Amino acid sequence: MSTTSMNGRREERDGSTLLVIERELRAPLDDVWAACTDPSRMERWIGTWSGDPATGSVTFRMTAEGDDAPAEEMDVLACEPPRRFVVRGREPQPFSEDGSGEQAVWHMELELEETDGVTSLRFVQVLAPGATGVEMAASVGPGWEYYLDRLAAVLAGADVDGVDWEAYAGGSSHYRERFA
């Protein structure tokens, strides 16, 4: 059971269902942008990437998932420093909790805006259509809450190991209710 507040919500855009999670981060815009885009800074809370984004693609690996997490090729659809980037995976990825079952292409967006030293972060993931989207939200929603809280910890100078996955693991019910 989750002891952490699940904040994600459902939105619709252009016929697609979106998972949207927002955070208010007490850090300047440029610092949040660097934490979300610089490979060495990203590695502190989620993973790292290699390649040249100017080519339109990078290779991303979630280092927070362990040493055996596979690298994924990601197309860079938009990169507008320091406010917005959009990526989409090339290959469908499993989204069930055990990594089996249905798969979907990952399409994610990050938007940042700063007001008075506080940066608003808006994370968006496009979900698979229909009932599959409900299960996808229930599977990935708690994970994104976890990773965004790890980002907040890094920006606050706290230890990311203090963000315990077990506090998020039961958050699937929130997402099933919001996306049903």
C-alpha atoms as a PDB file:
ATOM      1  CA  MET A   1       0.000   0.000   0.000  1.00  0.00           C
ATOM      2  CA  SER A   2       1.258   3.446  -0.896  1.00  0.00           C
ATOM      3  CA  THR A   3       2.085   5.899   1.869  1.00  0.00           C
ATOM      4  CA  THR A   4       3.001   8.577  -0.649  1.00  0.00           C
ATOM      5  CA  SER A   5       0.504  10.946  -2.212  1.00  0.00           C
ATOM      6  CA  MET A   6      -0.205  10.149  -5.852  1.00  0.00           C
ATOM      7  CA  ASN A   7      -0.790  13.377  -7.788  1.00  0.00           C
ATOM      8  CA  GLY A   8      -0.996  12.256 -11.398  1.00  0.00           C
ATOM      9  CA  ARG A   9      -4.095  13.021 -13.377  1.00  0.00           C
ATOM     10  CA  ARG A  10      -5.684  12.305 -16.720  1.00  0.00           C
ATOM     11  CA  GLU A  11      -5.905  14.787 -19.563  1.00  0.00           C
ATOM     12  CA  GLU A  12      -7.026  14.432 -23.170  1.00  0.00           C
ATOM     13  CA  ARG A  13      -5.250  16.034 -26.128  1.00  0.00           C
ATOM     14  CA  ASP A  14      -5.763  15.445 -29.843  1.00  0.00           C
ATOM     15  CA  GLY A  15      -7.550  12.143 -29.234  1.00  0.00           C
ATOM     16  CA  SER A  16      -4.839  10.821 -26.901  1.00  0.00           C
ATOM     17  CA  THR A  17      -5.037  10.130 -23.180  1.00  0.00           C
ATOM     18  CA  LEU A  18      -2.228  11.688 -21.177  1.00  0.00           C
ATOM     19  CA  LEU A  19      -0.783  10.964 -17.764  1.00  0.00           C
ATOM     20  CA  VAL A  20       0.198  14.335 -16.265  1.00  0.00           C
ATOM     21  CA  ILE A  21       2.253  14.796 -13.096  1.00  0.00           C
ATOM     22  CA  GLU A  22       3.314  18.205 -11.828  1.00  0.00           C
ATOM     23  CA  ARG A  23       5.841  19.285  -9.237  1.00  0.00           C
ATOM     24  CA  GLU A  24       6.862  22.633  -7.762  1.00  0.00           C
ATOM     25  CA  LEU A  25      10.625  22.610  -7.261  1.00  0.00           C
ATOM     26  CA  ARG A  26      12.448  25.184  -5.157  1.00  0.00           C
ATOM     27  CA  ALA A  27      15.264  25.569  -7.646  1.00  0.00           C
ATOM     28  CA  PRO A  28      16.023  27.914 -10.533  1.00  0.00           C
ATOM     29  CA  LEU A  29      14.887  26.952 -14.023  1.00  0.00           C
ATOM     30  CA  ASP A  30      18.419  26.422 -15.370  1.00  0.00           C
ATOM     31  CA  ASP A  31      19.272  24.087 -12.483  1.00  0.00           C
ATOM     32  CA  VAL A  32      16.147  21.970 -13.043  1.00  0.00           C
ATOM     33  CA  TRP A  33      16.796  21.881 -16.800  1.00  0.00           C
ATOM     34  CA  ALA A  34      20.363  20.681 -16.199  1.00  0.00           C
ATOM     35  CA  ALA A  35      19.176  18.034 -13.714  1.00  0.00           C
ATOM     36  CA  CYS A  36      16.750  16.751 -16.366  1.00  0.00           C
ATOM     37  CA  THR A  37      19.017  16.909 -19.418  1.00  0.00           C
ATOM     38  CA  ASP A  38      22.694  16.644 -18.401  1.00  0.00           C
ATOM     39  CA  PRO A  39      23.624  12.929 -18.462  1.00  0.00           C
ATOM     40  CA  SER A  40      25.792  13.060 -15.327  1.00  0.00           C
ATOM     41  CA  ARG A  41      23.153  14.963 -13.344  1.00  0.00           C
ATOM     42  CA  MET A  42      20.318  12.729 -14.565  1.00  0.00           C
ATOM     43  CA  GLU A  43      22.221   9.683 -13.382  1.00  0.00           C
ATOM     44  CA  ARG A  44      21.787  10.831  -9.782  1.00  0.00           C
ATOM     45  CA  TRP A  45      18.021  10.294  -9.896  1.00  0.00           C
ATOM     46  CA  ILE A  46      16.945   8.255 -12.943  1.00  0.00           C
ATOM     47  CA  GLY A  47      19.452   7.350 -15.653  1.00  0.00           C
ATOM     48  CA  THR A  48      21.784   8.640 -18.277  1.00  0.00           C
ATOM     49  CA  TRP A  49      21.937   9.081 -22.016  1.00  0.00           C
ATOM     50  CA  SER A  50      24.556   9.084 -24.717  1.00  0.00           C
ATOM     51  CA  GLY A  51      24.700  10.263 -28.286  1.00  0.00           C
ATOM     52  CA  ASP A  52      24.140  13.597 -29.957  1.00  0.00           C
ATOM     53  CA  PRO A  53      20.615  15.035 -29.599  1.00  0.00           C
ATOM     54  CA  ALA A  54      21.274  17.185 -32.677  1.00  0.00           C
ATOM     55  CA  THR A  55      21.026  13.985 -34.735  1.00  0.00           C
ATOM     56  CA  GLY A  56      17.471  13.539 -33.495  1.00  0.00           C
ATOM     57  CA  SER A  57      18.105  10.548 -31.254  1.00  0.00           C
ATOM     58  CA  VAL A  58      19.892   9.451 -28.088  1.00  0.00           C
ATOM     59  CA  THR A  59      20.376   6.198 -26.212  1.00  0.00           C
ATOM     60  CA  PHE A  60      18.843   6.283 -22.719  1.00  0.00           C
ATOM     61  CA  ARG A  61      19.412   3.833 -19.872  1.00  0.00           C
ATOM     62  CA  MET A  62      17.626   3.919 -16.537  1.00  0.00           C
ATOM     63  CA  THR A  63      20.527   3.395 -14.139  1.00  0.00           C
ATOM     64  CA  ALA A  64      18.192   3.606 -11.151  1.00  0.00           C
ATOM     65  CA  GLU A  65      16.655   0.308 -12.352  1.00  0.00           C
ATOM     66  CA  GLY A  66      19.865  -1.663 -11.770  1.00  0.00           C
ATOM     67  CA  ASP A  67      22.848  -2.662 -13.836  1.00  0.00           C
ATOM     68  CA  ASP A  68      20.899  -4.923 -16.187  1.00  0.00           C
ATOM     69  CA  ALA A  69      18.397  -2.293 -17.371  1.00  0.00           C
ATOM     70  CA  PRO A  70      18.498  -2.258 -21.179  1.00  0.00           C
ATOM     71  CA  ALA A  71      19.374   0.881 -23.104  1.00  0.00           C
ATOM     72  CA  GLU A  72      16.609   2.351 -25.254  1.00  0.00           C
ATOM     73  CA  GLU A  73      16.834   4.376 -28.437  1.00  0.00           C
ATOM     74  CA  MET A  74      14.823   7.580 -28.057  1.00  0.00           C
ATOM     75  CA  ASP A  75      13.879  10.025 -30.800  1.00  0.00           C
ATOM     76  CA  VAL A  76      14.216  13.659 -29.731  1.00  0.00           C
ATOM     77  CA  LEU A  77      11.041  15.290 -31.060  1.00  0.00           C
ATOM     78  CA  ALA A  78      11.568  18.701 -29.453  1.00  0.00           C
ATOM     79  CA  CYS A  79      14.311  20.344 -27.426  1.00  0.00           C
ATOM     80  CA  GLU A  80      13.727  23.949 -26.436  1.00  0.00           C
ATOM     81  CA  PRO A  81      16.213  24.803 -23.644  1.00  0.00           C
ATOM     82  CA  PRO A  82      15.535  25.483 -20.854  1.00  0.00           C
ATOM     83  CA  ARG A  83      11.780  24.969 -21.034  1.00  0.00           C
ATOM     84  CA  ARG A  84      10.674  21.906 -22.980  1.00  0.00           C
ATOM     85  CA  PHE A  85      11.732  18.608 -24.405  1.00  0.00           C
ATOM     86  CA  VAL A  86       9.832  15.719 -25.954  1.00  0.00           C
ATOM     87  CA  VAL A  87      11.101  12.199 -26.612  1.00  0.00           C
ATOM     88  CA  ARG A  88       9.592   9.045 -28.034  1.00  0.00           C
ATOM     89  CA  GLY A  89      10.961   5.528 -27.857  1.00  0.00           C
ATOM     90  CA  ARG A  90      11.580   3.624 -31.047  1.00  0.00           C
ATOM     91  CA  GLU A  91      10.597   0.196 -29.749  1.00  0.00           C
ATOM     92  CA  PRO A  92       7.520  -0.787 -27.734  1.00  0.00           C
ATOM     93  CA  GLN A  93       8.326  -1.334 -24.062  1.00  0.00           C
ATOM     94  CA  PRO A  94       6.510  -3.518 -21.517  1.00  0.00           C
ATOM     95  CA  PHE A  95       4.507  -1.561 -18.991  1.00  0.00           C
ATOM     96  CA  SER A  96       3.252  -4.256 -16.674  1.00  0.00           C
ATOM     97  CA  GLU A  97       4.776  -4.408 -13.217  1.00  0.00           C
ATOM     98  CA  ASP A  98       6.668  -7.606 -13.994  1.00  0.00           C
ATOM     99  CA  GLY A  99       7.840  -6.452 -17.439  1.00  0.00           C
ATOM    100  CA  SER A 100       5.689  -8.932 -19.342  1.00  0.00           C
ATOM    101  CA  GLY A 101       2.409  -8.584 -21.141  1.00  0.00           C
ATOM    102  CA  GLU A 102       1.310  -5.571 -23.157  1.00  0.00           C
ATOM    103  CA  GLN A 103       3.719  -3.077 -24.625  1.00  0.00           C
ATOM    104  CA  ALA A 104       3.527   0.503 -25.854  1.00  0.00           C
ATOM    105  CA  VAL A 105       5.824   3.058 -27.421  1.00  0.00           C
ATOM    106  CA  TRP A 106       6.910   5.531 -24.740  1.00  0.00           C
ATOM    107  CA  HIS A 107       6.176   9.178 -25.610  1.00  0.00           C
ATOM    108  CA  MET A 108       7.122  11.659 -22.877  1.00  0.00           C
ATOM    109  CA  GLU A 109       7.234  15.423 -22.515  1.00  0.00           C
ATOM    110  CA  LEU A 110       8.747  17.741 -19.934  1.00  0.00           C
ATOM    111  CA  GLU A 111       7.794  21.407 -19.578  1.00  0.00           C
ATOM    112  CA  LEU A 112       9.419  23.825 -17.133  1.00  0.00           C
ATOM    113  CA  GLU A 113       8.496  27.334 -16.032  1.00  0.00           C
ATOM    114  CA  GLU A 114      10.021  29.484 -13.292  1.00  0.00           C
ATOM    115  CA  THR A 115       8.357  32.068 -11.084  1.00  0.00           C
ATOM    116  CA  ASP A 116      10.209  33.732  -8.183  1.00  0.00           C
ATOM    117  CA  GLY A 117      12.857  31.000  -7.913  1.00  0.00           C
ATOM    118  CA  VAL A 118      10.349  28.123  -7.990  1.00  0.00           C
ATOM    119  CA  THR A 119      10.288  25.962 -11.098  1.00  0.00           C
ATOM    120  CA  SER A 120       7.047  24.300 -12.102  1.00  0.00           C
ATOM    121  CA  LEU A 121       7.631  20.950 -13.761  1.00  0.00           C
ATOM    122  CA  ARG A 122       4.959  19.314 -15.906  1.00  0.00           C
ATOM    123  CA  PHE A 123       5.666  15.726 -16.940  1.00  0.00           C
ATOM    124  CA  VAL A 124       3.417  14.151 -19.589  1.00  0.00           C
ATOM    125  CA  GLN A 125       3.303  10.594 -20.896  1.00  0.00           C
ATOM    126  CA  VAL A 126       1.023   9.661 -23.770  1.00  0.00           C
ATOM    127  CA  LEU A 127      -0.775   6.440 -22.878  1.00  0.00           C
ATOM    128  CA  ALA A 128      -1.772   3.477 -24.976  1.00  0.00           C
ATOM    129  CA  PRO A 129      -5.402   3.720 -26.151  1.00  0.00           C
ATOM    130  CA  GLY A 130      -8.452   2.202 -24.455  1.00  0.00           C
ATOM    131  CA  ALA A 131      -8.385  -0.136 -21.489  1.00  0.00           C
ATOM    132  CA  THR A 132      -4.679  -0.630 -22.122  1.00  0.00           C
ATOM    133  CA  GLY A 133      -4.123   3.009 -21.143  1.00  0.00           C
ATOM    134  CA  VAL A 134      -5.705   2.375 -17.744  1.00  0.00           C
ATOM    135  CA  GLU A 135      -3.291  -0.464 -17.071  1.00  0.00           C
ATOM    136  CA  MET A 136      -0.381   1.539 -18.424  1.00  0.00           C
ATOM    137  CA  ALA A 137      -1.227   4.461 -16.114  1.00  0.00           C
ATOM    138  CA  ALA A 138      -1.575   2.087 -13.160  1.00  0.00           C
ATOM    139  CA  SER A 139       1.824   0.589 -13.956  1.00  0.00           C
ATOM    140  CA  VAL A 140       3.923   3.646 -14.848  1.00  0.00           C
ATOM    141  CA  GLY A 141       2.185   6.355 -12.782  1.00  0.00           C
ATOM    142  CA  PRO A 142       3.622   5.335  -9.402  1.00  0.00           C
ATOM    143  CA  GLY A 143       7.037   4.938 -11.022  1.00  0.00           C
ATOM    144  CA  TRP A 144       7.012   8.464 -12.410  1.00  0.00           C
ATOM    145  CA  GLU A 145       5.881   9.817  -9.024  1.00  0.00           C
ATOM    146  CA  TYR A 146       8.867   8.003  -7.494  1.00  0.00           C
ATOM    147  CA  TYR A 147      11.361   9.324 -10.039  1.00  0.00           C
ATOM    148  CA  LEU A 148      10.083  12.898  -9.862  1.00  0.00           C
ATOM    149  CA  ASP A 149      10.386  12.779  -6.063  1.00  0.00           C
ATOM    150  CA  ARG A 150      13.960  11.530  -6.521  1.00  0.00           C
ATOM    151  CA  LEU A 151      14.570  14.539  -8.790  1.00  0.00           C
ATOM    152  CA  ALA A 152      13.151  16.839  -6.101  1.00  0.00           C
ATOM    153  CA  ALA A 153      15.448  15.224  -3.518  1.00  0.00           C
ATOM    154  CA  VAL A 154      18.519  15.771  -5.715  1.00  0.00           C
ATOM    155  CA  LEU A 155      17.591  19.411  -6.279  1.00  0.00           C
ATOM    156  CA  ALA A 156      17.073  19.902  -2.528  1.00  0.00           C
ATOM    157  CA  GLY A 157      20.471  18.361  -1.760  1.00  0.00           C
ATOM    158  CA  ALA A 158      18.873  15.354  -0.052  1.00  0.00           C
ATOM    159  CA  ASP A 159      19.860  11.712  -0.376  1.00  0.00           C
ATOM    160  CA  VAL A 160      17.823  10.006  -3.131  1.00  0.00           C
ATOM    161  CA  ASP A 161      18.065   6.743  -1.179  1.00  0.00           C
ATOM    162  CA  GLY A 162      15.650   8.374   1.263  1.00  0.00           C
ATOM    163  CA  VAL A 163      12.976   8.150  -1.446  1.00  0.00           C
ATOM    164  CA  ASP A 164      11.825   4.578  -0.837  1.00  0.00           C
ATOM    165  CA  TRP A 165      10.109   2.756  -3.715  1.00  0.00           C
ATOM    166  CA  GLU A 166       7.953   0.762  -1.280  1.00  0.00           C
ATOM    167  CA  ALA A 167       6.084   3.975  -0.418  1.00  0.00           C
ATOM    168  CA  TYR A 168       4.983   4.234  -4.075  1.00  0.00           C
ATOM    169  CA  ALA A 169       4.401   0.592  -4.949  1.00  0.00           C
ATOM    170  CA  GLY A 170       0.738   0.597  -3.937  1.00  0.00           C
ATOM    171  CA  GLY A 171      -0.153   3.729  -5.912  1.00  0.00           C
ATOM    172  CA  SER A 172      -1.649   1.815  -8.838  1.00  0.00           C
ATOM    173  CA  SER A 173      -5.175   2.095  -7.422  1.00  0.00           C
ATOM    174  CA  HIS A 174      -5.027   5.901  -7.649  1.00  0.00           C
ATOM    175  CA  TYR A 175      -4.245   5.633 -11.337  1.00  0.00           C
ATOM    176  CA  ARG A 176      -6.832   2.958 -12.047  1.00  0.00           C
ATOM    177  CA  GLU A 177      -9.515   5.182 -10.481  1.00  0.00           C
ATOM    178  CA  ARG A 178      -8.397   8.331 -12.330  1.00  0.00           C
ATOM    179  CA  PHE A 179      -8.076   6.649 -15.724  1.00  0.00           C
ATOM    180  CA  ALA A 180     -11.004   4.190 -15.682  1.00  0.00           C
END
